[in-house]
Amino acid sequence: MLKKLFGMLAGANAGLAAAPSAAQGSTPAQPTQADPLAGAKLGAQVVFEQLIRAMKNDKGVHAESLLCALGALAGYACQASLRADALAKGLPEQAYLTEIGTRDGKKFFFGDALNKPLAESNLSVWNIAAGAARQAGCATPPDLAEIFKHTSQVVGGPQFGVPRLPAGHPTGDLPINYVRAFWPALLPEVRKSCAAPDLWPVAFALAIVHAITLARSTLDPCVALTIVMESAVPMSKIDLGAA
């Protein structure tokens, strides 16, 4: 599947030609008590570099596809972190999640606990990504409330998980396929630097910061942020075990 997936990533808007690497003149900081986010920062660098290597072709890396993948992974990381935290405390895995079933037997997950790492806390995916977009020049960010509303309206239907993007900015694949392909390989890498599950979404969000910053000269940062959140919000709600 990965070979097919990677083959779809080359696009006309290959906006990322190179990735910063710890091997290219800098050494990633190890987690310390002085910087509680050091582990998340290290995890972000590993995630970013591994995705760059996986998604790179002779034209570089298709920026929209990379942002879609990172947004999707960050969104699902919000749910995965809640599941891991619940299990660590001896609770049922879905203790912090509200399950919604559809007529065709599919399951999706909602709830205030899920919204916090996704969009509400200071270190939420939204706040971190939107901050990077603003610094890159985004003056009119996407309407996050509308993205949440749309996701709820189409849950279980054919439009669920299909990013609504500006013309001329297609992604190489759907968010769900990026989660399926990359989550199993990247989670163990993030675990190495982020022992606390609540830092998993932060690590993926900080990787998004790298992508938005690197792509800012070729991709409108507001468009970049739209891609991220159109991917993150629905992917926070999926039942990956049945996907």
C-alpha atoms as a PDB file:
ATOM      1  CA  MET A   1       0.000   0.000   0.000  1.00  0.00           C
ATOM      2  CA  LEU A   2       2.821   2.388   0.872  1.00  0.00           C
ATOM      3  CA  LYS A   3       4.373   2.094  -2.583  1.00  0.00           C
ATOM      4  CA  LYS A   4       1.054   3.053  -4.163  1.00  0.00           C
ATOM      5  CA  LEU A   5       0.534   5.835  -1.644  1.00  0.00           C
ATOM      6  CA  PHE A   6       3.944   7.372  -2.181  1.00  0.00           C
ATOM      7  CA  GLY A   7       3.497   7.188  -5.922  1.00  0.00           C
ATOM      8  CA  MET A   8       0.475   9.482  -5.662  1.00  0.00           C
ATOM      9  CA  LEU A   9       2.289  12.237  -3.800  1.00  0.00           C
ATOM     10  CA  ALA A  10       4.126  13.941  -6.635  1.00  0.00           C
ATOM     11  CA  GLY A  11       2.171  17.021  -7.634  1.00  0.00           C
ATOM     12  CA  ALA A  12       2.609  20.178  -9.601  1.00  0.00           C
ATOM     13  CA  ASN A  13       2.922  22.135  -6.348  1.00  0.00           C
ATOM     14  CA  ALA A  14       5.899  20.322  -4.854  1.00  0.00           C
ATOM     15  CA  GLY A  15       6.576  23.031  -2.314  1.00  0.00           C
ATOM     16  CA  LEU A  16       9.004  21.338   0.092  1.00  0.00           C
ATOM     17  CA  ALA A  17      12.346  20.598  -1.448  1.00  0.00           C
ATOM     18  CA  ALA A  18      14.335  19.683   1.657  1.00  0.00           C
ATOM     19  CA  ALA A  19      13.917  18.905   5.301  1.00  0.00           C
ATOM     20  CA  PRO A  20      15.958  20.169   8.230  1.00  0.00           C
ATOM     21  CA  SER A  21      17.823  17.289   9.817  1.00  0.00           C
ATOM     22  CA  ALA A  22      19.614  16.744  13.059  1.00  0.00           C
ATOM     23  CA  ALA A  23      22.392  15.251  10.972  1.00  0.00           C
ATOM     24  CA  GLN A  24      22.795  18.510   9.073  1.00  0.00           C
ATOM     25  CA  GLY A  25      24.509  20.636  11.704  1.00  0.00           C
ATOM     26  CA  SER A  26      22.192  20.487  14.728  1.00  0.00           C
ATOM     27  CA  THR A  27      21.543  17.998  17.499  1.00  0.00           C
ATOM     28  CA  PRO A  28      18.037  17.643  18.882  1.00  0.00           C
ATOM     29  CA  ALA A  29      17.697  18.592  22.530  1.00  0.00           C
ATOM     30  CA  GLN A  30      16.983  15.776  24.954  1.00  0.00           C
ATOM     31  CA  PRO A  31      14.000  16.116  27.308  1.00  0.00           C
ATOM     32  CA  THR A  32      14.886  18.011  30.481  1.00  0.00           C
ATOM     33  CA  GLN A  33      13.027  19.235  33.533  1.00  0.00           C
ATOM     34  CA  ALA A  34      13.741  22.791  32.421  1.00  0.00           C
ATOM     35  CA  ASP A  35      11.776  22.282  29.193  1.00  0.00           C
ATOM     36  CA  PRO A  36       8.704  20.073  29.658  1.00  0.00           C
ATOM     37  CA  LEU A  37       8.108  20.149  25.900  1.00  0.00           C
ATOM     38  CA  ALA A  38      11.596  18.957  24.994  1.00  0.00           C
ATOM     39  CA  GLY A  39      10.315  15.438  24.397  1.00  0.00           C
ATOM     40  CA  ALA A  40       7.492  16.689  22.186  1.00  0.00           C
ATOM     41  CA  LYS A  41       9.959  18.805  20.229  1.00  0.00           C
ATOM     42  CA  LEU A  42      12.219  15.825  19.717  1.00  0.00           C
ATOM     43  CA  GLY A  43       9.264  13.685  18.673  1.00  0.00           C
ATOM     44  CA  ALA A  44       8.148  16.388  16.250  1.00  0.00           C
ATOM     45  CA  GLN A  45      11.532  16.427  14.572  1.00  0.00           C
ATOM     46  CA  VAL A  46      11.542  12.645  14.195  1.00  0.00           C
ATOM     47  CA  VAL A  47       8.008  12.634  12.778  1.00  0.00           C
ATOM     48  CA  PHE A  48       8.780  15.434  10.356  1.00  0.00           C
ATOM     49  CA  GLU A  49      12.008  13.903   9.094  1.00  0.00           C
ATOM     50  CA  GLN A  50      10.510  10.435   8.661  1.00  0.00           C
ATOM     51  CA  LEU A  51       7.525  11.762   6.720  1.00  0.00           C
ATOM     52  CA  ILE A  52       9.790  13.899   4.546  1.00  0.00           C
ATOM     53  CA  ARG A  53      11.867  10.847   3.668  1.00  0.00           C
ATOM     54  CA  ALA A  54       8.796   8.711   3.024  1.00  0.00           C
ATOM     55  CA  MET A  55       6.973  11.287   0.895  1.00  0.00           C
ATOM     56  CA  LYS A  56       9.882  12.757  -1.050  1.00  0.00           C
ATOM     57  CA  ASN A  57      10.291  12.224  -4.790  1.00  0.00           C
ATOM     58  CA  ASP A  58      12.451  13.792  -7.479  1.00  0.00           C
ATOM     59  CA  LYS A  59      10.456  17.037  -7.208  1.00  0.00           C
ATOM     60  CA  GLY A  60      10.724  17.272  -3.452  1.00  0.00           C
ATOM     61  CA  VAL A  61       7.704  16.807  -1.182  1.00  0.00           C
ATOM     62  CA  HIS A  62       4.187  17.821  -2.133  1.00  0.00           C
ATOM     63  CA  ALA A  63       3.362  20.366   0.563  1.00  0.00           C
ATOM     64  CA  GLU A  64      -0.399  19.869   0.560  1.00  0.00           C
ATOM     65  CA  SER A  65      -0.015  16.114   0.964  1.00  0.00           C
ATOM     66  CA  LEU A  66       2.462  16.473   3.813  1.00  0.00           C
ATOM     67  CA  LEU A  67       0.170  18.898   5.639  1.00  0.00           C
ATOM     68  CA  CYS A  68      -2.796  16.610   5.119  1.00  0.00           C
ATOM     69  CA  ALA A  69      -0.858  13.663   6.533  1.00  0.00           C
ATOM     70  CA  LEU A  70       0.383  15.644   9.522  1.00  0.00           C
ATOM     71  CA  GLY A  71      -3.057  17.090  10.237  1.00  0.00           C
ATOM     72  CA  ALA A  72      -4.651  13.655  10.040  1.00  0.00           C
ATOM     73  CA  LEU A  73      -2.041  12.143  12.354  1.00  0.00           C
ATOM     74  CA  ALA A  74      -2.303  15.016  14.823  1.00  0.00           C
ATOM     75  CA  GLY A  75      -6.083  14.660  14.930  1.00  0.00           C
ATOM     76  CA  TYR A  76      -5.961  10.934  15.545  1.00  0.00           C
ATOM     77  CA  ALA A  77      -3.206  11.424  18.144  1.00  0.00           C
ATOM     78  CA  CYS A  78      -5.734  13.356  20.241  1.00  0.00           C
ATOM     79  CA  GLN A  79      -7.978  10.303  20.470  1.00  0.00           C
ATOM     80  CA  ALA A  80      -5.106   7.848  20.872  1.00  0.00           C
ATOM     81  CA  SER A  81      -3.648   9.852  23.747  1.00  0.00           C
ATOM     82  CA  LEU A  82      -6.969   9.729  25.627  1.00  0.00           C
ATOM     83  CA  ARG A  83      -7.207   5.982  25.134  1.00  0.00           C
ATOM     84  CA  ALA A  84      -3.654   5.458  26.382  1.00  0.00           C
ATOM     85  CA  ASP A  85      -4.190   7.727  29.379  1.00  0.00           C
ATOM     86  CA  ALA A  86      -7.367   5.903  30.365  1.00  0.00           C
ATOM     87  CA  LEU A  87      -5.661   2.500  30.188  1.00  0.00           C
ATOM     88  CA  ALA A  88      -2.699   3.794  32.213  1.00  0.00           C
ATOM     89  CA  LYS A  89      -5.121   4.792  34.979  1.00  0.00           C
ATOM     90  CA  GLY A  90      -6.861   1.430  34.966  1.00  0.00           C
ATOM     91  CA  LEU A  91      -9.986   2.779  33.264  1.00  0.00           C
ATOM     92  CA  PRO A  92     -11.822   1.403  30.230  1.00  0.00           C
ATOM     93  CA  GLU A  93     -10.037   2.449  27.046  1.00  0.00           C
ATOM     94  CA  GLN A  94     -12.962   4.616  25.897  1.00  0.00           C
ATOM     95  CA  ALA A  95     -13.588   6.178  29.310  1.00  0.00           C
ATOM     96  CA  TYR A  96     -12.950   9.718  28.061  1.00  0.00           C
ATOM     97  CA  LEU A  97     -14.726   9.295  24.735  1.00  0.00           C
ATOM     98  CA  THR A  98     -18.371   9.491  23.710  1.00  0.00           C
ATOM     99  CA  GLU A  99     -19.174   6.826  21.120  1.00  0.00           C
ATOM    100  CA  ILE A 100     -21.652   7.580  18.348  1.00  0.00           C
ATOM    101  CA  GLY A 101     -22.919   4.763  16.135  1.00  0.00           C
ATOM    102  CA  THR A 102     -24.306   5.107  12.623  1.00  0.00           C
ATOM    103  CA  ARG A 103     -26.964   3.020  10.935  1.00  0.00           C
ATOM    104  CA  ASP A 104     -24.388   1.091   8.951  1.00  0.00           C
ATOM    105  CA  GLY A 105     -22.650  -0.048  12.140  1.00  0.00           C
ATOM    106  CA  LYS A 106     -19.712   2.378  12.078  1.00  0.00           C
ATOM    107  CA  LYS A 107     -18.425   4.053  15.248  1.00  0.00           C
ATOM    108  CA  PHE A 108     -17.162   7.596  15.751  1.00  0.00           C
ATOM    109  CA  PHE A 109     -15.927   9.362  18.855  1.00  0.00           C
ATOM    110  CA  PHE A 110     -16.780  12.782  20.267  1.00  0.00           C
ATOM    111  CA  GLY A 111     -16.663  14.609  23.594  1.00  0.00           C
ATOM    112  CA  ASP A 112     -15.195  17.538  25.504  1.00  0.00           C
ATOM    113  CA  ALA A 113     -12.113  15.546  26.481  1.00  0.00           C
ATOM    114  CA  LEU A 114     -11.353  14.985  22.790  1.00  0.00           C
ATOM    115  CA  ASN A 115     -11.893  18.636  21.879  1.00  0.00           C
ATOM    116  CA  LYS A 116      -9.396  19.849  24.469  1.00  0.00           C
ATOM    117  CA  PRO A 117      -6.150  18.557  22.838  1.00  0.00           C
ATOM    118  CA  LEU A 118      -7.613  19.125  19.398  1.00  0.00           C
ATOM    119  CA  ALA A 119      -8.799  22.717  19.668  1.00  0.00           C
ATOM    120  CA  GLU A 120      -9.228  24.139  23.160  1.00  0.00           C
ATOM    121  CA  SER A 121      -6.097  23.920  25.304  1.00  0.00           C
ATOM    122  CA  ASN A 122      -3.109  26.249  24.936  1.00  0.00           C
ATOM    123  CA  LEU A 123      -1.168  23.322  23.488  1.00  0.00           C
ATOM    124  CA  SER A 124      -3.969  22.066  21.267  1.00  0.00           C
ATOM    125  CA  VAL A 125      -3.324  21.136  17.652  1.00  0.00           C
ATOM    126  CA  TRP A 126      -5.357  24.168  16.575  1.00  0.00           C
ATOM    127  CA  ASN A 127      -3.556  26.698  18.762  1.00  0.00           C
ATOM    128  CA  ILE A 128      -0.108  25.469  17.837  1.00  0.00           C
ATOM    129  CA  ALA A 129      -0.841  25.217  14.100  1.00  0.00           C
ATOM    130  CA  ALA A 130      -2.756  28.511  13.967  1.00  0.00           C
ATOM    131  CA  GLY A 131       0.070  30.264  15.777  1.00  0.00           C
ATOM    132  CA  ALA A 132       2.540  29.020  13.173  1.00  0.00           C
ATOM    133  CA  ALA A 133       0.223  30.103  10.354  1.00  0.00           C
ATOM    134  CA  ARG A 134      -0.135  33.586  11.833  1.00  0.00           C
ATOM    135  CA  GLN A 135       3.624  33.939  12.140  1.00  0.00           C
ATOM    136  CA  ALA A 136       3.946  32.848   8.515  1.00  0.00           C
ATOM    137  CA  GLY A 137       1.535  35.605   7.443  1.00  0.00           C
ATOM    138  CA  CYS A 138      -1.986  34.156   7.694  1.00  0.00           C
ATOM    139  CA  ALA A 139      -4.333  37.059   8.457  1.00  0.00           C
ATOM    140  CA  THR A 140      -7.671  35.266   7.981  1.00  0.00           C
ATOM    141  CA  PRO A 141      -7.556  31.746   9.422  1.00  0.00           C
ATOM    142  CA  PRO A 142     -10.240  29.186   8.558  1.00  0.00           C
ATOM    143  CA  ASP A 143     -13.444  29.093  10.590  1.00  0.00           C
ATOM    144  CA  LEU A 144     -12.737  26.271  13.015  1.00  0.00           C
ATOM    145  CA  ALA A 145     -16.289  26.183  14.371  1.00  0.00           C
ATOM    146  CA  GLU A 146     -17.587  25.660  10.832  1.00  0.00           C
ATOM    147  CA  ILE A 147     -15.158  22.778  10.295  1.00  0.00           C
ATOM    148  CA  PHE A 148     -16.438  21.117  13.463  1.00  0.00           C
ATOM    149  CA  LYS A 149     -20.042  21.715  12.408  1.00  0.00           C
ATOM    150  CA  HIS A 150     -19.493  20.267   8.940  1.00  0.00           C
ATOM    151  CA  THR A 151     -17.718  17.223  10.361  1.00  0.00           C
ATOM    152  CA  SER A 152     -20.648  16.510  12.679  1.00  0.00           C
ATOM    153  CA  GLN A 153     -23.155  16.956   9.854  1.00  0.00           C
ATOM    154  CA  VAL A 154     -21.458  14.506   7.479  1.00  0.00           C
ATOM    155  CA  VAL A 155     -20.255  11.897  10.000  1.00  0.00           C
ATOM    156  CA  GLY A 156     -20.868   8.450   8.609  1.00  0.00           C
ATOM    157  CA  GLY A 157     -21.528   9.764   5.105  1.00  0.00           C
ATOM    158  CA  PRO A 158     -19.402   9.822   1.939  1.00  0.00           C
ATOM    159  CA  GLN A 159     -18.176  13.369   2.575  1.00  0.00           C
ATOM    160  CA  PHE A 160     -16.808  12.567   6.010  1.00  0.00           C
ATOM    161  CA  GLY A 161     -13.030  12.913   6.075  1.00  0.00           C
ATOM    162  CA  VAL A 162     -12.842  14.513   2.618  1.00  0.00           C
ATOM    163  CA  PRO A 163     -11.013  17.837   3.004  1.00  0.00           C
ATOM    164  CA  ARG A 164     -12.732  20.867   1.467  1.00  0.00           C
ATOM    165  CA  LEU A 165      -9.812  22.728  -0.034  1.00  0.00           C
ATOM    166  CA  PRO A 166      -9.259  25.739  -2.317  1.00  0.00           C
ATOM    167  CA  ALA A 167      -9.008  25.007  -6.026  1.00  0.00           C
ATOM    168  CA  GLY A 168      -5.504  24.132  -7.116  1.00  0.00           C
ATOM    169  CA  HIS A 169      -4.486  22.552  -3.818  1.00  0.00           C
ATOM    170  CA  PRO A 170      -5.289  18.832  -4.028  1.00  0.00           C
ATOM    171  CA  THR A 171      -3.746  16.328  -1.660  1.00  0.00           C
ATOM    172  CA  GLY A 172      -2.262  13.039  -2.744  1.00  0.00           C
ATOM    173  CA  ASP A 173      -4.685  10.933  -0.746  1.00  0.00           C
ATOM    174  CA  LEU A 174      -7.421  11.087   1.871  1.00  0.00           C
ATOM    175  CA  PRO A 175      -6.549  11.741   5.531  1.00  0.00           C
ATOM    176  CA  ILE A 176      -7.738   8.283   6.605  1.00  0.00           C
ATOM    177  CA  ASN A 177      -5.257   6.615   4.286  1.00  0.00           C
ATOM    178  CA  TYR A 178      -2.384   8.634   5.724  1.00  0.00           C
ATOM    179  CA  VAL A 179      -3.386   7.599   9.238  1.00  0.00           C
ATOM    180  CA  ARG A 180      -3.623   3.954   8.227  1.00  0.00           C
ATOM    181  CA  ALA A 181      -0.245   4.061   6.522  1.00  0.00           C
ATOM    182  CA  PHE A 182       1.815   6.116   8.962  1.00  0.00           C
ATOM    183  CA  TRP A 183       0.336   5.858  12.461  1.00  0.00           C
ATOM    184  CA  PRO A 184       1.570   2.319  13.247  1.00  0.00           C
ATOM    185  CA  ALA A 185       5.141   3.258  12.308  1.00  0.00           C
ATOM    186  CA  LEU A 186       5.272   6.736  13.845  1.00  0.00           C
ATOM    187  CA  LEU A 187       3.620   6.096  17.211  1.00  0.00           C
ATOM    188  CA  PRO A 188       6.528   3.980  18.521  1.00  0.00           C
ATOM    189  CA  GLU A 189       8.927   6.768  17.535  1.00  0.00           C
ATOM    190  CA  VAL A 190       6.852   9.387  19.362  1.00  0.00           C
ATOM    191  CA  ARG A 191       6.587   7.140  22.428  1.00  0.00           C
ATOM    192  CA  LYS A 192      10.379   7.112  22.712  1.00  0.00           C
ATOM    193  CA  SER A 193      10.514  10.832  23.426  1.00  0.00           C
ATOM    194  CA  CYS A 194       6.995  11.440  24.806  1.00  0.00           C
ATOM    195  CA  ALA A 195       6.353   9.120  27.724  1.00  0.00           C
ATOM    196  CA  ALA A 196       3.194  11.034  28.646  1.00  0.00           C
ATOM    197  CA  PRO A 197       0.399  10.372  26.140  1.00  0.00           C
ATOM    198  CA  ASP A 198      -0.878  13.942  26.413  1.00  0.00           C
ATOM    199  CA  LEU A 199       2.278  15.049  24.589  1.00  0.00           C
ATOM    200  CA  TRP A 200       1.588  12.913  21.521  1.00  0.00           C
ATOM    201  CA  PRO A 201      -0.743  15.453  19.853  1.00  0.00           C
ATOM    202  CA  VAL A 202       1.716  18.216  20.779  1.00  0.00           C
ATOM    203  CA  ALA A 203       4.529  16.393  18.987  1.00  0.00           C
ATOM    204  CA  PHE A 204       2.502  16.052  15.793  1.00  0.00           C
ATOM    205  CA  ALA A 205       1.330  19.682  16.086  1.00  0.00           C
ATOM    206  CA  LEU A 206       4.929  20.878  16.392  1.00  0.00           C
ATOM    207  CA  ALA A 207       5.765  18.866  13.271  1.00  0.00           C
ATOM    208  CA  ILE A 208       2.974  20.826  11.558  1.00  0.00           C
ATOM    209  CA  VAL A 209       4.758  24.019  12.596  1.00  0.00           C
ATOM    210  CA  HIS A 210       7.848  22.813  10.709  1.00  0.00           C
ATOM    211  CA  ALA A 211       5.776  22.096   7.601  1.00  0.00           C
ATOM    212  CA  ILE A 212       3.888  25.409   7.582  1.00  0.00           C
ATOM    213  CA  THR A 213       7.103  27.341   8.145  1.00  0.00           C
ATOM    214  CA  LEU A 214       9.042  25.500   5.456  1.00  0.00           C
ATOM    215  CA  ALA A 215       6.234  25.819   2.891  1.00  0.00           C
ATOM    216  CA  ARG A 216       5.373  29.479   3.514  1.00  0.00           C
ATOM    217  CA  SER A 217       7.188  30.762   0.427  1.00  0.00           C
ATOM    218  CA  THR A 218       5.163  28.557  -1.933  1.00  0.00           C
ATOM    219  CA  LEU A 219       1.920  27.833  -0.063  1.00  0.00           C
ATOM    220  CA  ASP A 220      -0.394  30.411   1.516  1.00  0.00           C
ATOM    221  CA  PRO A 221      -0.211  29.713   5.277  1.00  0.00           C
ATOM    222  CA  CYS A 222      -4.001  30.129   5.575  1.00  0.00           C
ATOM    223  CA  VAL A 223      -4.429  27.392   2.981  1.00  0.00           C
ATOM    224  CA  ALA A 224      -1.894  25.288   4.867  1.00  0.00           C
ATOM    225  CA  LEU A 225      -3.850  25.720   8.099  1.00  0.00           C
ATOM    226  CA  THR A 226      -7.096  24.845   6.327  1.00  0.00           C
ATOM    227  CA  ILE A 227      -5.585  21.603   5.034  1.00  0.00           C
ATOM    228  CA  VAL A 228      -4.363  20.726   8.521  1.00  0.00           C
ATOM    229  CA  MET A 229      -7.686  21.271  10.300  1.00  0.00           C
ATOM    230  CA  GLU A 230      -9.883  19.826   7.541  1.00  0.00           C
ATOM    231  CA  SER A 231      -7.819  16.670   8.082  1.00  0.00           C
ATOM    232  CA  ALA A 232      -7.371  16.787  11.859  1.00  0.00           C
ATOM    233  CA  VAL A 233     -10.960  17.312  12.992  1.00  0.00           C
ATOM    234  CA  PRO A 234     -12.542  14.281  11.268  1.00  0.00           C
ATOM    235  CA  MET A 235      -9.557  12.028  11.959  1.00  0.00           C
ATOM    236  CA  SER A 236      -9.855  12.713  15.682  1.00  0.00           C
ATOM    237  CA  LYS A 237     -13.213  10.901  15.530  1.00  0.00           C
ATOM    238  CA  ILE A 238     -12.490   7.750  13.546  1.00  0.00           C
ATOM    239  CA  ASP A 239     -12.531   4.162  14.736  1.00  0.00           C
ATOM    240  CA  LEU A 240      -9.104   3.234  13.424  1.00  0.00           C
ATOM    241  CA  GLY A 241      -9.518  -0.406  14.386  1.00  0.00           C
ATOM    242  CA  ALA A 242     -12.378  -0.704  11.900  1.00  0.00           C
ATOM    243  CA  ALA A 243     -11.052   1.752   9.312  1.00  0.00           C
END
